[in-house]
Amino acid sequence: MIKRLRKVGNSNALILDKPILELLGLKENGLVQLKIQGSNLIITPSQPSKLDADTLSEQLSDVINRRSDLLKRLAE
């Protein structure tokens, strides 16, 4: 997926779509941890919630069902 950085004041911002936030278990104003590995930026939730495989599968299916149109556009 390719995203464009957006100018916000004197900084640049990366806008994360709601389905991505839902998949990561993040809420608005949530905290993330940034890590640089070589030339890659890795973004992870700072306090990830623990989910069992069944709960994760249910939530993932729910996001895919509710946001299928957006996910298809993001994949293009």
PDB file of N, CA and C in Angstrom:
ATOM      1  N   MET A   1       0.854  -1.167   0.000  1.00  0.00           N
ATOM      2  CA  MET A   1       0.000   0.000   0.000  1.00  0.00           C
ATOM      3  C   MET A   1       0.902   1.231   0.000  1.00  0.00           C
ATOM      4  N   ILE A   2       0.563   2.191  -0.789  1.00  0.00           N
ATOM      5  CA  ILE A   2       1.321   3.444  -0.843  1.00  0.00           C
ATOM      6  C   ILE A   2       0.437   4.549  -0.279  1.00  0.00           C
ATOM      7  N   LYS A   3       1.007   5.324   0.629  1.00  0.00           N
ATOM      8  CA  LYS A   3       0.304   6.449   1.243  1.00  0.00           C
ATOM      9  C   LYS A   3       1.114   7.717   0.981  1.00  0.00           C
ATOM     10  N   ARG A   4       0.444   8.851   0.949  1.00  0.00           N
ATOM     11  CA  ARG A   4       1.113  10.140   0.742  1.00  0.00           C
ATOM     12  C   ARG A   4       1.209  10.878   2.076  1.00  0.00           C
ATOM     13  N   LEU A   5       2.369  11.453   2.342  1.00  0.00           N
ATOM     14  CA  LEU A   5       2.525  12.294   3.522  1.00  0.00           C
ATOM     15  C   LEU A   5       1.785  13.606   3.274  1.00  0.00           C
ATOM     16  N   ARG A   6       1.162  14.131   4.318  1.00  0.00           N
ATOM     17  CA  ARG A   6       0.396  15.379   4.220  1.00  0.00           C
ATOM     18  C   ARG A   6       1.037  16.443   5.104  1.00  0.00           C
ATOM     19  N   LYS A   7       1.110  17.658   4.599  1.00  0.00           N
ATOM     20  CA  LYS A   7       1.667  18.782   5.344  1.00  0.00           C
ATOM     21  C   LYS A   7       0.702  19.189   6.449  1.00  0.00           C
ATOM     22  N   VAL A   8       1.215  19.259   7.682  1.00  0.00           N
ATOM     23  CA  VAL A   8       0.432  19.706   8.838  1.00  0.00           C
ATOM     24  C   VAL A   8       1.324  20.670   9.612  1.00  0.00           C
ATOM     25  N   GLY A   9       1.055  21.964   9.477  1.00  0.00           N
ATOM     26  CA  GLY A   9       1.926  22.953  10.106  1.00  0.00           C
ATOM     27  C   GLY A   9       3.321  22.855   9.502  1.00  0.00           C
ATOM     28  N   ASN A  10       4.345  22.747  10.376  1.00  0.00           N
ATOM     29  CA  ASN A  10       5.722  22.610   9.916  1.00  0.00           C
ATOM     30  C   ASN A  10       6.143  21.151   9.797  1.00  0.00           C
ATOM     31  N   SER A  11       5.202  20.231   9.924  1.00  0.00           N
ATOM     32  CA  SER A  11       5.509  18.808   9.909  1.00  0.00           C
ATOM     33  C   SER A  11       4.766  18.117   8.770  1.00  0.00           C
ATOM     34  N   ASN A  12       5.019  16.832   8.644  1.00  0.00           N
ATOM     35  CA  ASN A  12       4.284  15.989   7.710  1.00  0.00           C
ATOM     36  C   ASN A  12       3.595  14.902   8.507  1.00  0.00           C
ATOM     37  N   ALA A  13       2.423  14.490   8.048  1.00  0.00           N
ATOM     38  CA  ALA A  13       1.644  13.474   8.758  1.00  0.00           C
ATOM     39  C   ALA A  13       1.316  12.331   7.805  1.00  0.00           C
ATOM     40  N   LEU A  14       1.237  11.145   8.368  1.00  0.00           N
ATOM     41  CA  LEU A  14       0.797   9.967   7.650  1.00  0.00           C
ATOM     42  C   LEU A  14      -0.605   9.658   8.151  1.00  0.00           C
ATOM     43  N   ILE A  15      -1.589   9.716   7.273  1.00  0.00           N
ATOM     44  CA  ILE A  15      -2.975   9.489   7.656  1.00  0.00           C
ATOM     45  C   ILE A  15      -3.273   7.996   7.541  1.00  0.00           C
ATOM     46  N   LEU A  16      -3.722   7.395   8.632  1.00  0.00           N
ATOM     47  CA  LEU A  16      -4.070   5.979   8.640  1.00  0.00           C
ATOM     48  C   LEU A  16      -5.590   5.849   8.577  1.00  0.00           C
ATOM     49  N   ASP A  17      -6.063   5.088   7.612  1.00  0.00           N
ATOM     50  CA  ASP A  17      -7.500   4.904   7.431  1.00  0.00           C
ATOM     51  C   ASP A  17      -8.078   4.094   8.583  1.00  0.00           C
ATOM     52  N   LYS A  18      -9.353   4.306   8.840  1.00  0.00           N
ATOM     53  CA  LYS A  18     -10.022   3.646   9.956  1.00  0.00           C
ATOM     54  C   LYS A  18      -9.879   2.127   9.934  1.00  0.00           C
ATOM     55  N   PRO A  19     -10.023   1.459   8.777  1.00  0.00           N
ATOM     56  CA  PRO A  19      -9.845  -0.002   8.788  1.00  0.00           C
ATOM     57  C   PRO A  19      -8.457  -0.438   9.258  1.00  0.00           C
ATOM     58  N   ILE A  20      -7.439   0.335   8.920  1.00  0.00           N
ATOM     59  CA  ILE A  20      -6.090   0.008   9.376  1.00  0.00           C
ATOM     60  C   ILE A  20      -6.002   0.167  10.882  1.00  0.00           C
ATOM     61  N   LEU A  21      -6.559   1.254  11.396  1.00  0.00           N
ATOM     62  CA  LEU A  21      -6.566   1.464  12.844  1.00  0.00           C
ATOM     63  C   LEU A  21      -7.292   0.328  13.548  1.00  0.00           C
ATOM     64  N   GLU A  22      -8.418  -0.091  12.987  1.00  0.00           N
ATOM     65  CA  GLU A  22      -9.187  -1.179  13.592  1.00  0.00           C
ATOM     66  C   GLU A  22      -8.390  -2.478  13.594  1.00  0.00           C
ATOM     67  N   LEU A  23      -7.702  -2.764  12.489  1.00  0.00           N
ATOM     68  CA  LEU A  23      -6.904  -3.990  12.423  1.00  0.00           C
ATOM     69  C   LEU A  23      -5.782  -3.984  13.454  1.00  0.00           C
ATOM     70  N   LEU A  24      -5.230  -2.806  13.736  1.00  0.00           N
ATOM     71  CA  LEU A  24      -4.147  -2.683  14.709  1.00  0.00           C
ATOM     72  C   LEU A  24      -4.654  -2.531  16.138  1.00  0.00           C
ATOM     73  N   GLY A  25      -5.960  -2.357  16.292  1.00  0.00           N
ATOM     74  CA  GLY A  25      -6.516  -2.156  17.627  1.00  0.00           C
ATOM     75  C   GLY A  25      -6.219  -0.773  18.174  1.00  0.00           C
ATOM     76  N   LEU A  26      -6.080   0.211  17.280  1.00  0.00           N
ATOM     77  CA  LEU A  26      -5.790   1.580  17.695  1.00  0.00           C
ATOM     78  C   LEU A  26      -7.042   2.442  17.658  1.00  0.00           C
ATOM     79  N   LYS A  27      -7.091   3.397  18.540  1.00  0.00           N
ATOM     80  CA  LYS A  27      -8.183   4.364  18.586  1.00  0.00           C
ATOM     81  C   LYS A  27      -7.621   5.738  18.229  1.00  0.00           C
ATOM     82  N   GLU A  28      -8.521   6.691  17.971  1.00  0.00           N
ATOM     83  CA  GLU A  28      -8.090   8.064  17.725  1.00  0.00           C
ATOM     84  C   GLU A  28      -7.247   8.539  18.913  1.00  0.00           C
ATOM     85  N   ASN A  29      -6.172   9.219  18.634  1.00  0.00           N
ATOM     86  CA  ASN A  29      -5.213   9.711  19.634  1.00  0.00           C
ATOM     87  C   ASN A  29      -4.463   8.582  20.343  1.00  0.00           C
ATOM     88  N   GLY A  30      -4.511   7.361  19.791  1.00  0.00           N
ATOM     89  CA  GLY A  30      -3.767   6.242  20.373  1.00  0.00           C
ATOM     90  C   GLY A  30      -2.272   6.452  20.218  1.00  0.00           C
ATOM     91  N   LEU A  31      -1.513   5.791  21.069  1.00  0.00           N
ATOM     92  CA  LEU A  31      -0.058   5.892  21.031  1.00  0.00           C
ATOM     93  C   LEU A  31       0.528   4.769  20.192  1.00  0.00           C
ATOM     94  N   VAL A  32       1.533   5.111  19.393  1.00  0.00           N
ATOM     95  CA  VAL A  32       2.237   4.125  18.589  1.00  0.00           C
ATOM     96  C   VAL A  32       3.728   4.229  18.870  1.00  0.00           C
ATOM     97  N   GLN A  33       4.408   3.142  18.593  1.00  0.00           N
ATOM     98  CA  GLN A  33       5.853   3.115  18.731  1.00  0.00           C
ATOM     99  C   GLN A  33       6.449   3.104  17.328  1.00  0.00           C
ATOM    100  N   LEU A  34       7.444   3.957  17.093  1.00  0.00           N
ATOM    101  CA  LEU A  34       8.107   4.030  15.807  1.00  0.00           C
ATOM    102  C   LEU A  34       9.485   3.399  15.936  1.00  0.00           C
ATOM    103  N   LYS A  35       9.839   2.582  14.964  1.00  0.00           N
ATOM    104  CA  LYS A  35      11.135   1.915  14.958  1.00  0.00           C
ATOM    105  C   LYS A  35      11.688   1.989  13.548  1.00  0.00           C
ATOM    106  N   ILE A  36      12.969   2.286  13.429  1.00  0.00           N
ATOM    107  CA  ILE A  36      13.606   2.346  12.124  1.00  0.00           C
ATOM    108  C   ILE A  36      14.540   1.159  11.991  1.00  0.00           C
ATOM    109  N   GLN A  37      14.336   0.387  10.933  1.00  0.00           N
ATOM    110  CA  GLN A  37      15.203  -0.744  10.599  1.00  0.00           C
ATOM    111  C   GLN A  37      15.717  -0.496   9.186  1.00  0.00           C
ATOM    112  N   GLY A  38      16.974  -0.142   9.078  1.00  0.00           N
ATOM    113  CA  GLY A  38      17.522   0.211   7.767  1.00  0.00           C
ATOM    114  C   GLY A  38      16.782   1.415   7.225  1.00  0.00           C
ATOM    115  N   SER A  39      16.149   1.263   6.074  1.00  0.00           N
ATOM    116  CA  SER A  39      15.379   2.369   5.496  1.00  0.00           C
ATOM    117  C   SER A  39      13.882   2.170   5.685  1.00  0.00           C
ATOM    118  N   ASN A  40      13.494   1.292   6.619  1.00  0.00           N
ATOM    119  CA  ASN A  40      12.077   1.012   6.873  1.00  0.00           C
ATOM    120  C   ASN A  40      11.621   1.638   8.178  1.00  0.00           C
ATOM    121  N   LEU A  41      10.437   2.194   8.154  1.00  0.00           N
ATOM    122  CA  LEU A  41       9.787   2.708   9.351  1.00  0.00           C
ATOM    123  C   LEU A  41       8.729   1.699   9.767  1.00  0.00           C
ATOM    124  N   ILE A  42       8.834   1.209  10.995  1.00  0.00           N
ATOM    125  CA  ILE A  42       7.876   0.224  11.505  1.00  0.00           C
ATOM    126  C   ILE A  42       7.040   0.907  12.576  1.00  0.00           C
ATOM    127  N   ILE A  43       5.718   0.860  12.404  1.00  0.00           N
ATOM    128  CA  ILE A  43       4.786   1.489  13.343  1.00  0.00           C
ATOM    129  C   ILE A  43       3.993   0.382  14.022  1.00  0.00           C
ATOM    130  N   THR A  44       4.045   0.349  15.353  1.00  0.00           N
ATOM    131  CA  THR A  44       3.307  -0.651  16.117  1.00  0.00           C
ATOM    132  C   THR A  44       2.561   0.033  17.257  1.00  0.00           C
ATOM    133  N   PRO A  45       1.442  -0.548  17.691  1.00  0.00           N
ATOM    134  CA  PRO A  45       0.758   0.005  18.857  1.00  0.00           C
ATOM    135  C   PRO A  45       1.706  -0.024  20.057  1.00  0.00           C
ATOM    136  N   SER A  46       1.690   1.028  20.868  1.00  0.00           N
ATOM    137  CA  SER A  46       2.601   1.061  22.015  1.00  0.00           C
ATOM    138  C   SER A  46       2.153   0.114  23.117  1.00  0.00           C
ATOM    139  N   GLN A  47       0.869  -0.132  23.207  1.00  0.00           N
ATOM    140  CA  GLN A  47       0.342  -1.055  24.206  1.00  0.00           C
ATOM    141  C   GLN A  47      -0.646  -1.996  23.511  1.00  0.00           C
ATOM    142  N   PRO A  48      -0.115  -2.937  22.716  1.00  0.00           N
ATOM    143  CA  PRO A  48      -1.032  -3.819  21.987  1.00  0.00           C
ATOM    144  C   PRO A  48      -1.864  -4.663  22.933  1.00  0.00           C
ATOM    145  N   SER A  49      -3.112  -4.831  22.567  1.00  0.00           N
ATOM    146  CA  SER A  49      -3.981  -5.668  23.390  1.00  0.00           C
ATOM    147  C   SER A  49      -3.757  -7.126  23.014  1.00  0.00           C
ATOM    148  N   LYS A  50      -3.867  -8.000  23.984  1.00  0.00           N
ATOM    149  CA  LYS A  50      -3.688  -9.430  23.755  1.00  0.00           C
ATOM    150  C   LYS A  50      -5.009 -10.021  23.275  1.00  0.00           C
ATOM    151  N   LEU A  51      -4.957 -10.707  22.148  1.00  0.00           N
ATOM    152  CA  LEU A  51      -6.154 -11.344  21.599  1.00  0.00           C
ATOM    153  C   LEU A  51      -5.865 -12.809  21.346  1.00  0.00           C
ATOM    154  N   ASP A  52      -6.851 -13.638  21.619  1.00  0.00           N
ATOM    155  CA  ASP A  52      -6.687 -15.033  21.246  1.00  0.00           C
ATOM    156  C   ASP A  52      -7.019 -15.175  19.768  1.00  0.00           C
ATOM    157  N   ALA A  53      -6.649 -16.284  19.173  1.00  0.00           N
ATOM    158  CA  ALA A  53      -6.803 -16.488  17.733  1.00  0.00           C
ATOM    159  C   ALA A  53      -8.261 -16.366  17.283  1.00  0.00           C
ATOM    160  N   ASP A  54      -9.202 -16.880  18.080  1.00  0.00           N
ATOM    161  CA  ASP A  54     -10.615 -16.822  17.698  1.00  0.00           C
ATOM    162  C   ASP A  54     -11.129 -15.388  17.679  1.00  0.00           C
ATOM    163  N   THR A  55     -10.778 -14.610  18.703  1.00  0.00           N
ATOM    164  CA  THR A  55     -11.209 -13.208  18.769  1.00  0.00           C
ATOM    165  C   THR A  55     -10.603 -12.411  17.632  1.00  0.00           C
ATOM    166  N   LEU A  56      -9.322 -12.638  17.360  1.00  0.00           N
ATOM    167  CA  LEU A  56      -8.660 -11.940  16.265  1.00  0.00           C
ATOM    168  C   LEU A  56      -9.339 -12.269  14.939  1.00  0.00           C
ATOM    169  N   SER A  57      -9.638 -13.529  14.714  1.00  0.00           N
ATOM    170  CA  SER A  57     -10.296 -13.951  13.471  1.00  0.00           C
ATOM    171  C   SER A  57     -11.668 -13.296  13.333  1.00  0.00           C
ATOM    172  N   GLU A  58     -12.438 -13.244  14.418  1.00  0.00           N
ATOM    173  CA  GLU A  58     -13.756 -12.611  14.396  1.00  0.00           C
ATOM    174  C   GLU A  58     -13.643 -11.128  14.069  1.00  0.00           C
ATOM    175  N   GLN A  59     -12.715 -10.440  14.723  1.00  0.00           N
ATOM    176  CA  GLN A  59     -12.562  -9.002  14.498  1.00  0.00           C
ATOM    177  C   GLN A  59     -12.076  -8.720  13.088  1.00  0.00           C
ATOM    178  N   LEU A  60     -11.150  -9.524  12.588  1.00  0.00           N
ATOM    179  CA  LEU A  60     -10.654  -9.339  11.238  1.00  0.00           C
ATOM    180  C   LEU A  60     -11.777  -9.549  10.221  1.00  0.00           C
ATOM    181  N   SER A  61     -12.577 -10.576  10.394  1.00  0.00           N
ATOM    182  CA  SER A  61     -13.708 -10.826   9.501  1.00  0.00           C
ATOM    183  C   SER A  61     -14.697  -9.674   9.539  1.00  0.00           C
ATOM    184  N   ASP A  62     -14.939  -9.134  10.725  1.00  0.00           N
ATOM    185  CA  ASP A  62     -15.861  -8.014  10.875  1.00  0.00           C
ATOM    186  C   ASP A  62     -15.356  -6.793  10.116  1.00  0.00           C
ATOM    187  N   VAL A  63     -14.067  -6.480  10.257  1.00  0.00           N
ATOM    188  CA  VAL A  63     -13.491  -5.325   9.551  1.00  0.00           C
ATOM    189  C   VAL A  63     -13.568  -5.550   8.049  1.00  0.00           C
ATOM    190  N   ILE A  64     -13.218  -6.736   7.593  1.00  0.00           N
ATOM    191  CA  ILE A  64     -13.251  -7.037   6.155  1.00  0.00           C
ATOM    192  C   ILE A  64     -14.666  -6.913   5.608  1.00  0.00           C
ATOM    193  N   ASN A  65     -15.653  -7.419   6.334  1.00  0.00           N
ATOM    194  CA  ASN A  65     -17.046  -7.337   5.883  1.00  0.00           C
ATOM    195  C   ASN A  65     -17.549  -5.898   5.844  1.00  0.00           C
ATOM    196  N   ARG A  66     -17.239  -5.128   6.889  1.00  0.00           N
ATOM    197  CA  ARG A  66     -17.750  -3.759   6.961  1.00  0.00           C
ATOM    198  C   ARG A  66     -17.013  -2.802   6.034  1.00  0.00           C
ATOM    199  N   ARG A  67     -15.750  -3.098   5.746  1.00  0.00           N
ATOM    200  CA  ARG A  67     -14.925  -2.155   4.987  1.00  0.00           C
ATOM    201  C   ARG A  67     -14.394  -2.727   3.679  1.00  0.00           C
ATOM    202  N   SER A  68     -15.086  -3.686   3.101  1.00  0.00           N
ATOM    203  CA  SER A  68     -14.574  -4.362   1.908  1.00  0.00           C
ATOM    204  C   SER A  68     -14.317  -3.389   0.748  1.00  0.00           C
ATOM    205  N   ASP A  69     -15.207  -2.433   0.528  1.00  0.00           N
ATOM    206  CA  ASP A  69     -15.016  -1.473  -0.570  1.00  0.00           C
ATOM    207  C   ASP A  69     -13.745  -0.651  -0.367  1.00  0.00           C
ATOM    208  N   LEU A  70     -13.549  -0.154   0.831  1.00  0.00           N
ATOM    209  CA  LEU A  70     -12.353   0.649   1.112  1.00  0.00           C
ATOM    210  C   LEU A  70     -11.094  -0.193   1.009  1.00  0.00           C
ATOM    211  N   LEU A  71     -11.120  -1.408   1.527  1.00  0.00           N
ATOM    212  CA  LEU A  71      -9.946  -2.272   1.448  1.00  0.00           C
ATOM    213  C   LEU A  71      -9.587  -2.587  -0.002  1.00  0.00           C
ATOM    214  N   LYS A  72     -10.592  -2.762  -0.864  1.00  0.00           N
ATOM    215  CA  LYS A  72     -10.327  -2.993  -2.286  1.00  0.00           C
ATOM    216  C   LYS A  72      -9.650  -1.779  -2.913  1.00  0.00           C
ATOM    217  N   ARG A  73     -10.128  -0.582  -2.566  1.00  0.00           N
ATOM    218  CA  ARG A  73      -9.517   0.652  -3.111  1.00  0.00           C
ATOM    219  C   ARG A  73      -8.096   0.803  -2.613  1.00  0.00           C
ATOM    220  N   LEU A  74      -7.848   0.487  -1.330  1.00  0.00           N
ATOM    221  CA  LEU A  74      -6.489   0.600  -0.775  1.00  0.00           C
ATOM    222  C   LEU A  74      -5.538  -0.381  -1.454  1.00  0.00           C
ATOM    223  N   ALA A  75      -6.050  -1.511  -1.881  1.00  0.00           N
ATOM    224  CA  ALA A  75      -5.213  -2.539  -2.505  1.00  0.00           C
ATOM    225  C   ALA A  75      -4.821  -2.178  -3.946  1.00  0.00           C
ATOM    226  N   GLU A  76      -5.518  -1.233  -4.547  1.00  0.00           N
ATOM    227  CA  GLU A  76      -5.232  -0.866  -5.947  1.00  0.00           C
ATOM    228  C   GLU A  76      -3.938  -0.095  -6.059  1.00  0.00           C
TER     229      GLU A  76
END
